[in-house]
């Protein structure tokens, strides 16, 4: 009986540890996606889509979308990037 309790307890601890590690990894991916999106949006204002994409790649992210709105007094860039399962959107302007 004691062996069963020890084995069951060890199994439960392993499952909880794996779940916690996965959750922490998701949090890290979300933070990295936010940082990569901010950097890509800022780079995209002056360097366009190719520069935004290269900055996203340098930050281990993939550029999912790139949009520019041009107005008389400047441009606003909106990007969406993906890191793992996390996505983040950021906007930057040269106004």
PDB file of N, CA and C in Angstrom:
ATOM      1  N   UNK A   1       0.818  -1.199   0.000  1.00  0.00           N
ATOM      2  CA  UNK A   1       0.000   0.000   0.000  1.00  0.00           C
ATOM      3  C   UNK A   1       0.859   1.257   0.000  1.00  0.00           C
ATOM      4  N   UNK A   2       1.918   1.254   0.808  1.00  0.00           N
ATOM      5  CA  UNK A   2       2.779   2.429   0.876  1.00  0.00           C
ATOM      6  C   UNK A   2       3.466   2.700  -0.459  1.00  0.00           C
ATOM      7  N   UNK A   3       3.821   1.631  -1.146  1.00  0.00           N
ATOM      8  CA  UNK A   3       4.480   1.783  -2.450  1.00  0.00           C
ATOM      9  C   UNK A   3       3.533   2.463  -3.427  1.00  0.00           C
ATOM     10  N   UNK A   4       2.260   2.056  -3.401  1.00  0.00           N
ATOM     11  CA  UNK A   4       1.268   2.658  -4.286  1.00  0.00           C
ATOM     12  C   UNK A   4       1.134   4.157  -4.025  1.00  0.00           C
ATOM     13  N   UNK A   5       1.087   4.554  -2.779  1.00  0.00           N
ATOM     14  CA  UNK A   5       0.957   5.970  -2.411  1.00  0.00           C
ATOM     15  C   UNK A   5       2.178   6.744  -2.892  1.00  0.00           C
ATOM     16  N   UNK A   6       3.362   6.182  -2.721  1.00  0.00           N
ATOM     17  CA  UNK A   6       4.589   6.853  -3.159  1.00  0.00           C
ATOM     18  C   UNK A   6       4.604   6.992  -4.676  1.00  0.00           C
ATOM     19  N   UNK A   7       4.250   5.935  -5.385  1.00  0.00           N
ATOM     20  CA  UNK A   7       4.233   5.973  -6.854  1.00  0.00           C
ATOM     21  C   UNK A   7       3.177   6.954  -7.350  1.00  0.00           C
ATOM     22  N   UNK A   8       1.993   6.919  -6.768  1.00  0.00           N
ATOM     23  CA  UNK A   8       0.924   7.843  -7.162  1.00  0.00           C
ATOM     24  C   UNK A   8       1.322   9.285  -6.860  1.00  0.00           C
ATOM     25  N   UNK A   9       1.912   9.509  -5.701  1.00  0.00           N
ATOM     26  CA  UNK A   9       2.363  10.856  -5.344  1.00  0.00           C
ATOM     27  C   UNK A   9       3.450  11.351  -6.276  1.00  0.00           C
ATOM     28  N   UNK A  10       4.371  10.471  -6.643  1.00  0.00           N
ATOM     29  CA  UNK A  10       5.425  10.853  -7.595  1.00  0.00           C
ATOM     30  C   UNK A  10       4.859  11.173  -8.964  1.00  0.00           C
ATOM     31  N   UNK A  11       3.879  10.390  -9.393  1.00  0.00           N
ATOM     32  CA  UNK A  11       3.227  10.653 -10.680  1.00  0.00           C
ATOM     33  C   UNK A  11       2.499  11.983 -10.680  1.00  0.00           C
ATOM     34  N   UNK A  12       1.789  12.259  -9.600  1.00  0.00           N
ATOM     35  CA  UNK A  12       1.084  13.533  -9.482  1.00  0.00           C
ATOM     36  C   UNK A  12       2.063  14.700  -9.491  1.00  0.00           C
ATOM     37  N   UNK A  13       3.152  14.559  -8.780  1.00  0.00           N
ATOM     38  CA  UNK A  13       4.170  15.616  -8.752  1.00  0.00           C
ATOM     39  C   UNK A  13       4.755  15.840 -10.144  1.00  0.00           C
ATOM     40  N   UNK A  14       4.981  14.770 -10.894  1.00  0.00           N
ATOM     41  CA  UNK A  14       5.519  14.892 -12.257  1.00  0.00           C
ATOM     42  C   UNK A  14       4.539  15.614 -13.171  1.00  0.00           C
ATOM     43  N   UNK A  15       3.261  15.267 -13.086  1.00  0.00           N
ATOM     44  CA  UNK A  15       2.247  15.913 -13.919  1.00  0.00           C
ATOM     45  C   UNK A  15       2.134  17.397 -13.582  1.00  0.00           C
ATOM     46  N   UNK A  16       2.116  17.716 -12.299  1.00  0.00           N
ATOM     47  CA  UNK A  16       2.026  19.125 -11.887  1.00  0.00           C
ATOM     48  C   UNK A  16       3.270  19.906 -12.310  1.00  0.00           C
ATOM     49  N   UNK A  17       4.431  19.302 -12.198  1.00  0.00           N
ATOM     50  CA  UNK A  17       5.668  19.967 -12.606  1.00  0.00           C
ATOM     51  C   UNK A  17       5.667  20.241 -14.099  1.00  0.00           C
ATOM     52  N   UNK A  18       5.252  19.259 -14.898  1.00  0.00           N
ATOM     53  CA  UNK A  18       5.187  19.451 -16.345  1.00  0.00           C
ATOM     54  C   UNK A  18       4.198  20.555 -16.704  1.00  0.00           C
ATOM     55  N   UNK A  19       3.030  20.559 -16.079  1.00  0.00           N
ATOM     56  CA  UNK A  19       2.029  21.605 -16.341  1.00  0.00           C
ATOM     57  C   UNK A  19       2.537  22.984 -15.978  1.00  0.00           C
ATOM     58  N   UNK A  20       3.218  23.080 -14.844  1.00  0.00           N
ATOM     59  CA  UNK A  20       3.764  24.365 -14.418  1.00  0.00           C
ATOM     60  C   UNK A  20       4.859  24.833 -15.370  1.00  0.00           C
ATOM     61  N   UNK A  21       5.696  23.928 -15.819  1.00  0.00           N
ATOM     62  CA  UNK A  21       6.761  24.282 -16.763  1.00  0.00           C
ATOM     63  C   UNK A  21       6.173  24.757 -18.085  1.00  0.00           C
ATOM     64  N   UNK A  22       5.130  24.097 -18.548  1.00  0.00           N
ATOM     65  CA  UNK A  22       4.471  24.502 -19.794  1.00  0.00           C
ATOM     66  C   UNK A  22       3.873  25.892 -19.645  1.00  0.00           C
ATOM     67  N   UNK A  23       3.225  26.153 -18.530  1.00  0.00           N
ATOM     68  CA  UNK A  23       2.613  27.458 -18.272  1.00  0.00           C
ATOM     69  C   UNK A  23       3.683  28.549 -18.228  1.00  0.00           C
ATOM     70  N   UNK A  24       4.796  28.278 -17.579  1.00  0.00           N
ATOM     71  CA  UNK A  24       5.893  29.252 -17.523  1.00  0.00           C
ATOM     72  C   UNK A  24       6.463  29.506 -18.920  1.00  0.00           C
ATOM     73  N   UNK A  25       6.583  28.468 -19.724  1.00  0.00           N
ATOM     74  CA  UNK A  25       7.059  28.641 -21.090  1.00  0.00           C
ATOM     75  C   UNK A  25       6.124  29.516 -21.906  1.00  0.00           C
ATOM     76  N   UNK A  26       4.828  29.350 -21.706  1.00  0.00           N
ATOM     77  CA  UNK A  26       3.856  30.186 -22.409  1.00  0.00           C
ATOM     78  C   UNK A  26       3.981  31.650 -21.988  1.00  0.00           C
ATOM     79  N   UNK A  27       4.224  31.884 -20.704  1.00  0.00           N
ATOM     80  CA  UNK A  27       4.416  33.257 -20.232  1.00  0.00           C
ATOM     81  C   UNK A  27       5.661  33.890 -20.846  1.00  0.00           C
ATOM     82  N   UNK A  28       6.719  33.122 -20.951  1.00  0.00           N
ATOM     83  CA  UNK A  28       7.960  33.623 -21.559  1.00  0.00           C
ATOM     84  C   UNK A  28       7.730  33.939 -23.036  1.00  0.00           C
ATOM     85  N   UNK A  29       7.039  33.061 -23.750  1.00  0.00           N
ATOM     86  CA  UNK A  29       6.745  33.309 -25.162  1.00  0.00           C
ATOM     87  C   UNK A  29       5.914  34.576 -25.340  1.00  0.00           C
ATOM     88  N   UNK A  30       4.943  34.790 -24.464  1.00  0.00           N
ATOM     89  CA  UNK A  30       4.104  35.991 -24.555  1.00  0.00           C
ATOM     90  C   UNK A  30       4.932  37.249 -24.336  1.00  0.00           C
ATOM     91  N   UNK A  31       5.826  37.228 -23.379  1.00  0.00           N
ATOM     92  CA  UNK A  31       6.683  38.392 -23.115  1.00  0.00           C
ATOM     93  C   UNK A  31       7.630  38.641 -24.293  1.00  0.00           C
ATOM     94  N   UNK A  32       8.194  37.566 -24.839  1.00  0.00           N
ATOM     95  CA  UNK A  32       9.082  37.713 -25.997  1.00  0.00           C
ATOM     96  C   UNK A  32       8.317  38.230 -27.209  1.00  0.00           C
ATOM     97  N   UNK A  33       7.080  37.795 -27.383  1.00  0.00           N
ATOM     98  CA  UNK A  33       6.264  38.270 -28.502  1.00  0.00           C
ATOM     99  C   UNK A  33       5.972  39.763 -28.361  1.00  0.00           C
ATOM    100  N   UNK A  34       5.683  40.225 -27.153  1.00  0.00           N
ATOM    101  CA  UNK A  34       5.433  41.662 -26.943  1.00  0.00           C
ATOM    102  C   UNK A  34       6.666  42.484 -27.268  1.00  0.00           C
ATOM    103  N   UNK A  35       7.823  42.041 -26.798  1.00  0.00           N
ATOM    104  CA  UNK A  35       9.066  42.772 -27.069  1.00  0.00           C
ATOM    105  C   UNK A  35       9.387  42.779 -28.559  1.00  0.00           C
ATOM    106  N   UNK A  36       9.226  41.638 -29.211  1.00  0.00           N
ATOM    107  CA  UNK A  36       9.512  41.548 -30.644  1.00  0.00           C
ATOM    108  C   UNK A  36       8.551  42.413 -31.447  1.00  0.00           C
ATOM    109  N   UNK A  37       7.282  42.451 -31.055  1.00  0.00           N
ATOM    110  CA  UNK A  37       6.300  43.279 -31.761  1.00  0.00           C
ATOM    111  C   UNK A  37       6.629  44.756 -31.607  1.00  0.00           C
ATOM    112  N   UNK A  38       6.994  45.181 -30.413  1.00  0.00           N
ATOM    113  CA  UNK A  38       7.374  46.583 -30.204  1.00  0.00           C
ATOM    114  C   UNK A  38       8.561  46.965 -31.078  1.00  0.00           C
ATOM    115  N   UNK A  39       9.585  46.125 -31.076  1.00  0.00           N
ATOM    116  CA  UNK A  39      10.793  46.417 -31.862  1.00  0.00           C
ATOM    117  C   UNK A  39      10.491  46.411 -33.361  1.00  0.00           C
ATOM    118  N   UNK A  40       9.688  45.458 -33.819  1.00  0.00           N
ATOM    119  CA  UNK A  40       9.359  45.367 -35.240  1.00  0.00           C
ATOM    120  C   UNK A  40       8.530  46.566 -35.695  1.00  0.00           C
ATOM    121  N   UNK A  41       7.599  47.011 -34.857  1.00  0.00           N
ATOM    122  CA  UNK A  41       6.784  48.177 -35.221  1.00  0.00           C
ATOM    123  C   UNK A  41       7.649  49.425 -35.333  1.00  0.00           C
ATOM    124  N   UNK A  42       8.538  49.612 -34.376  1.00  0.00           N
ATOM    125  CA  UNK A  42       9.433  50.778 -34.439  1.00  0.00           C
ATOM    126  C   UNK A  42      10.333  50.721 -35.672  1.00  0.00           C
ATOM    127  N   UNK A  43      10.869  49.557 -35.968  1.00  0.00           N
ATOM    128  CA  UNK A  43      11.726  49.413 -37.149  1.00  0.00           C
ATOM    129  C   UNK A  43      10.935  49.607 -38.431  1.00  0.00           C
ATOM    130  N   UNK A  44       9.686  49.171 -38.442  1.00  0.00           N
ATOM    131  CA  UNK A  44       8.852  49.285 -39.630  1.00  0.00           C
ATOM    132  C   UNK A  44       8.495  50.710 -39.995  1.00  0.00           C
ATOM    133  N   UNK A  45       8.479  51.606 -39.029  1.00  0.00           N
ATOM    134  CA  UNK A  45       8.159  53.011 -39.316  1.00  0.00           C
ATOM    135  C   UNK A  45       9.183  53.613 -40.270  1.00  0.00           C
ATOM    136  N   UNK A  46      10.445  53.321 -40.040  1.00  0.00           N
ATOM    137  CA  UNK A  46      11.488  53.914 -40.889  1.00  0.00           C
ATOM    138  C   UNK A  46      12.007  52.965 -41.961  1.00  0.00           C
ATOM    139  N   UNK A  47      11.937  51.652 -41.731  1.00  0.00           N
ATOM    140  CA  UNK A  47      12.539  50.709 -42.660  1.00  0.00           C
ATOM    141  C   UNK A  47      11.572  49.873 -43.466  1.00  0.00           C
ATOM    142  N   UNK A  48      10.282  50.023 -43.224  1.00  0.00           N
ATOM    143  CA  UNK A  48       9.298  49.272 -43.975  1.00  0.00           C
ATOM    144  C   UNK A  48       9.161  47.832 -43.505  1.00  0.00           C
ATOM    145  N   UNK A  49       8.419  47.063 -44.295  1.00  0.00           N
ATOM    146  CA  UNK A  49       8.105  45.688 -43.921  1.00  0.00           C
ATOM    147  C   UNK A  49       9.333  44.796 -43.844  1.00  0.00           C
ATOM    148  N   UNK A  50      10.285  44.990 -44.760  1.00  0.00           N
ATOM    149  CA  UNK A  50      11.472  44.128 -44.745  1.00  0.00           C
ATOM    150  C   UNK A  50      12.287  44.330 -43.473  1.00  0.00           C
ATOM    151  N   UNK A  51      12.395  45.569 -43.025  1.00  0.00           N
ATOM    152  CA  UNK A  51      13.134  45.835 -41.785  1.00  0.00           C
ATOM    153  C   UNK A  51      12.381  45.289 -40.571  1.00  0.00           C
ATOM    154  N   UNK A  52      11.064  45.450 -40.563  1.00  0.00           N
ATOM    155  CA  UNK A  52      10.252  44.914 -39.456  1.00  0.00           C
ATOM    156  C   UNK A  52      10.392  43.397 -39.385  1.00  0.00           C
ATOM    157  N   UNK A  53      10.387  42.749 -40.544  1.00  0.00           N
ATOM    158  CA  UNK A  53      10.522  41.296 -40.584  1.00  0.00           C
ATOM    159  C   UNK A  53      11.889  40.848 -40.077  1.00  0.00           C
ATOM    160  N   UNK A  54      12.941  41.560 -40.478  1.00  0.00           N
ATOM    161  CA  UNK A  54      14.283  41.163 -40.027  1.00  0.00           C
ATOM    162  C   UNK A  54      14.459  41.384 -38.530  1.00  0.00           C
ATOM    163  N   UNK A  55      13.860  42.430 -37.978  1.00  0.00           N
ATOM    164  CA  UNK A  55      13.927  42.668 -36.528  1.00  0.00           C
ATOM    165  C   UNK A  55      13.136  41.593 -35.785  1.00  0.00           C
ATOM    166  N   UNK A  56      11.969  41.227 -36.315  1.00  0.00           N
ATOM    167  CA  UNK A  56      11.190  40.154 -35.693  1.00  0.00           C
ATOM    168  C   UNK A  56      11.994  38.857 -35.694  1.00  0.00           C
ATOM    169  N   UNK A  57      12.615  38.540 -36.821  1.00  0.00           N
ATOM    170  CA  UNK A  57      13.415  37.314 -36.921  1.00  0.00           C
ATOM    171  C   UNK A  57      14.594  37.353 -35.955  1.00  0.00           C
ATOM    172  N   UNK A  58      15.227  38.504 -35.817  1.00  0.00           N
ATOM    173  CA  UNK A  58      16.350  38.646 -34.887  1.00  0.00           C
ATOM    174  C   UNK A  58      15.910  38.420 -33.439  1.00  0.00           C
ATOM    175  N   UNK A  59      14.626  38.613 -33.175  1.00  0.00           N
ATOM    176  CA  UNK A  59      14.075  38.402 -31.839  1.00  0.00           C
ATOM    177  C   UNK A  59      13.330  37.066 -31.736  1.00  0.00           C
ATOM    178  N   UNK A  60      13.683  36.113 -32.615  1.00  0.00           N
ATOM    179  CA  UNK A  60      13.102  34.766 -32.617  1.00  0.00           C
ATOM    180  C   UNK A  60      11.598  34.776 -32.799  1.00  0.00           C
ATOM    181  N   UNK A  61      11.100  35.719 -33.595  1.00  0.00           N
ATOM    182  CA  UNK A  61       9.667  35.830 -33.860  1.00  0.00           C
ATOM    183  C   UNK A  61       9.426  35.765 -35.366  1.00  0.00           C
ATOM    184  N   UNK A  62       8.182  35.561 -35.721  1.00  0.00           N
ATOM    185  CA  UNK A  62       7.764  35.563 -37.115  1.00  0.00           C
ATOM    186  C   UNK A  62       6.783  36.706 -37.318  1.00  0.00           C
ATOM    187  N   UNK A  63       7.023  37.523 -38.333  1.00  0.00           N
ATOM    188  CA  UNK A  63       6.112  38.616 -38.647  1.00  0.00           C
ATOM    189  C   UNK A  63       4.868  38.033 -39.310  1.00  0.00           C
ATOM    190  N   UNK A  64       3.722  38.168 -38.649  1.00  0.00           N
ATOM    191  CA  UNK A  64       2.462  37.622 -39.158  1.00  0.00           C
ATOM    192  C   UNK A  64       1.744  38.627 -40.058  1.00  0.00           C
ATOM    193  N   UNK A  65       1.764  39.901 -39.677  1.00  0.00           N
ATOM    194  CA  UNK A  65       1.114  40.925 -40.497  1.00  0.00           C
ATOM    195  C   UNK A  65       1.822  42.261 -40.332  1.00  0.00           C
ATOM    196  N   UNK A  66       1.702  43.076 -41.370  1.00  0.00           N
ATOM    197  CA  UNK A  66       2.330  44.399 -41.393  1.00  0.00           C
ATOM    198  C   UNK A  66       1.382  45.331 -42.138  1.00  0.00           C
ATOM    199  N   UNK A  67       0.941  46.378 -41.477  1.00  0.00           N
ATOM    200  CA  UNK A  67       0.034  47.356 -42.091  1.00  0.00           C
ATOM    201  C   UNK A  67       0.569  48.758 -41.872  1.00  0.00           C
ATOM    202  N   UNK A  68       0.453  49.593 -42.910  1.00  0.00           N
ATOM    203  CA  UNK A  68       0.880  50.992 -42.826  1.00  0.00           C
ATOM    204  C   UNK A  68      -0.299  51.878 -43.168  1.00  0.00           C
ATOM    205  N   UNK A  69      -0.504  52.888 -42.358  1.00  0.00           N
ATOM    206  CA  UNK A  69      -1.482  53.935 -42.655  1.00  0.00           C
ATOM    207  C   UNK A  69      -0.696  55.218 -42.835  1.00  0.00           C
ATOM    208  N   UNK A  70      -0.737  55.745 -44.034  1.00  0.00           N
ATOM    209  CA  UNK A  70      -0.018  56.984 -44.317  1.00  0.00           C
ATOM    210  C   UNK A  70      -0.998  58.150 -44.263  1.00  0.00           C
ATOM    211  N   UNK A  71      -0.593  59.183 -43.565  1.00  0.00           N
ATOM    212  CA  UNK A  71      -1.367  60.421 -43.482  1.00  0.00           C
ATOM    213  C   UNK A  71      -0.445  61.559 -43.888  1.00  0.00           C
ATOM    214  N   UNK A  72      -0.990  62.717 -44.026  1.00  0.00           N
ATOM    215  CA  UNK A  72      -0.200  63.853 -44.464  1.00  0.00           C
ATOM    216  C   UNK A  72       0.983  64.161 -43.563  1.00  0.00           C
ATOM    217  N   UNK A  73       0.827  63.923 -42.289  1.00  0.00           N
ATOM    218  CA  UNK A  73       1.885  64.285 -41.343  1.00  0.00           C
ATOM    219  C   UNK A  73       2.720  63.103 -40.870  1.00  0.00           C
ATOM    220  N   UNK A  74       2.565  61.918 -41.459  1.00  0.00           N
ATOM    221  CA  UNK A  74       3.390  60.779 -41.046  1.00  0.00           C
ATOM    222  C   UNK A  74       2.724  59.452 -41.333  1.00  0.00           C
ATOM    223  N   UNK A  75       3.321  58.416 -40.798  1.00  0.00           N
ATOM    224  CA  UNK A  75       2.837  57.053 -40.996  1.00  0.00           C
ATOM    225  C   UNK A  75       2.662  56.353 -39.657  1.00  0.00           C
ATOM    226  N   UNK A  76       1.719  55.435 -39.630  1.00  0.00           N
ATOM    227  CA  UNK A  76       1.513  54.579 -38.468  1.00  0.00           C
ATOM    228  C   UNK A  76       1.623  53.134 -38.944  1.00  0.00           C
ATOM    229  N   UNK A  77       2.462  52.376 -38.280  1.00  0.00           N
ATOM    230  CA  UNK A  77       2.696  50.973 -38.619  1.00  0.00           C
ATOM    231  C   UNK A  77       2.089  50.099 -37.526  1.00  0.00           C
ATOM    232  N   UNK A  78       1.382  49.057 -37.943  1.00  0.00           N
ATOM    233  CA  UNK A  78       0.851  48.064 -37.014  1.00  0.00           C
ATOM    234  C   UNK A  78       1.376  46.699 -37.443  1.00  0.00           C
ATOM    235  N   UNK A  79       1.978  45.988 -36.511  1.00  0.00           N
ATOM    236  CA  UNK A  79       2.522  44.656 -36.802  1.00  0.00           C
ATOM    237  C   UNK A  79       1.939  43.638 -35.827  1.00  0.00           C
ATOM    238  N   UNK A  80       1.897  42.395 -36.279  1.00  0.00           N
ATOM    239  CA  UNK A  80       1.574  41.268 -35.419  1.00  0.00           C
ATOM    240  C   UNK A  80       2.676  40.242 -35.599  1.00  0.00           C
ATOM    241  N   UNK A  81       3.220  39.765 -34.478  1.00  0.00           N
ATOM    242  CA  UNK A  81       4.284  38.768 -34.530  1.00  0.00           C
ATOM    243  C   UNK A  81       3.871  37.546 -33.727  1.00  0.00           C
ATOM    244  N   UNK A  82       4.544  36.425 -34.015  1.00  0.00           N
ATOM    245  CA  UNK A  82       4.290  35.166 -33.312  1.00  0.00           C
ATOM    246  C   UNK A  82       5.603  34.623 -32.760  1.00  0.00           C
ATOM    247  N   UNK A  83       5.551  34.207 -31.504  1.00  0.00           N
ATOM    248  CA  UNK A  83       6.647  33.477 -30.865  1.00  0.00           C
ATOM    249  C   UNK A  83       6.016  32.246 -30.236  1.00  0.00           C
ATOM    250  N   UNK A  84       6.342  31.079 -30.754  1.00  0.00           N
ATOM    251  CA  UNK A  84       5.702  29.859 -30.264  1.00  0.00           C
ATOM    252  C   UNK A  84       4.215  29.923 -30.532  1.00  0.00           C
ATOM    253  N   UNK A  85       3.400  29.755 -29.495  1.00  0.00           N
ATOM    254  CA  UNK A  85       1.950  29.852 -29.631  1.00  0.00           C
ATOM    255  C   UNK A  85       1.431  31.244 -29.292  1.00  0.00           C
ATOM    256  N   UNK A  86       2.309  32.155 -28.905  1.00  0.00           N
ATOM    257  CA  UNK A  86       1.903  33.492 -28.486  1.00  0.00           C
ATOM    258  C   UNK A  86       1.996  34.478 -29.644  1.00  0.00           C
ATOM    259  N   UNK A  87       0.993  35.337 -29.755  1.00  0.00           N
ATOM    260  CA  UNK A  87       1.035  36.426 -30.724  1.00  0.00           C
ATOM    261  C   UNK A  87       0.897  37.747 -29.982  1.00  0.00           C
ATOM    262  N   UNK A  88       1.431  38.795 -30.601  1.00  0.00           N
ATOM    263  CA  UNK A  88       1.317  40.120 -30.020  1.00  0.00           C
ATOM    264  C   UNK A  88       1.254  41.140 -31.148  1.00  0.00           C
ATOM    265  N   UNK A  89       0.512  42.203 -30.928  1.00  0.00           N
ATOM    266  CA  UNK A  89       0.360  43.274 -31.899  1.00  0.00           C
ATOM    267  C   UNK A  89       0.886  44.559 -31.278  1.00  0.00           C
ATOM    268  N   UNK A  90       1.591  45.346 -32.103  1.00  0.00           N
ATOM    269  CA  UNK A  90       2.124  46.625 -31.626  1.00  0.00           C
ATOM    270  C   UNK A  90       1.948  47.667 -32.728  1.00  0.00           C
ATOM    271  N   UNK A  91       1.916  48.906 -32.313  1.00  0.00           N
ATOM    272  CA  UNK A  91       1.739  50.015 -33.244  1.00  0.00           C
ATOM    273  C   UNK A  91       2.796  51.074 -32.935  1.00  0.00           C
ATOM    274  N   UNK A  92       3.351  51.672 -34.001  1.00  0.00           N
ATOM    275  CA  UNK A  92       4.319  52.763 -33.843  1.00  0.00           C
ATOM    276  C   UNK A  92       4.036  53.804 -34.911  1.00  0.00           C
ATOM    277  N   UNK A  93       4.395  55.036 -34.606  1.00  0.00           N
ATOM    278  CA  UNK A  93       4.131  56.142 -35.519  1.00  0.00           C
ATOM    279  C   UNK A  93       5.328  57.083 -35.556  1.00  0.00           C
ATOM    280  N   UNK A  94       5.495  57.762 -36.668  1.00  0.00           N
ATOM    281  CA  UNK A  94       6.574  58.763 -36.759  1.00  0.00           C
ATOM    282  C   UNK A  94       6.014  60.178 -36.600  1.00  0.00           C
ATOM    283  N   UNK A  95       4.834  60.298 -36.090  1.00  0.00           N
ATOM    284  CA  UNK A  95       4.234  61.626 -35.864  1.00  0.00           C
ATOM    285  C   UNK A  95       4.718  62.222 -34.584  1.00  0.00           C
TER     286      UNK A  95
END
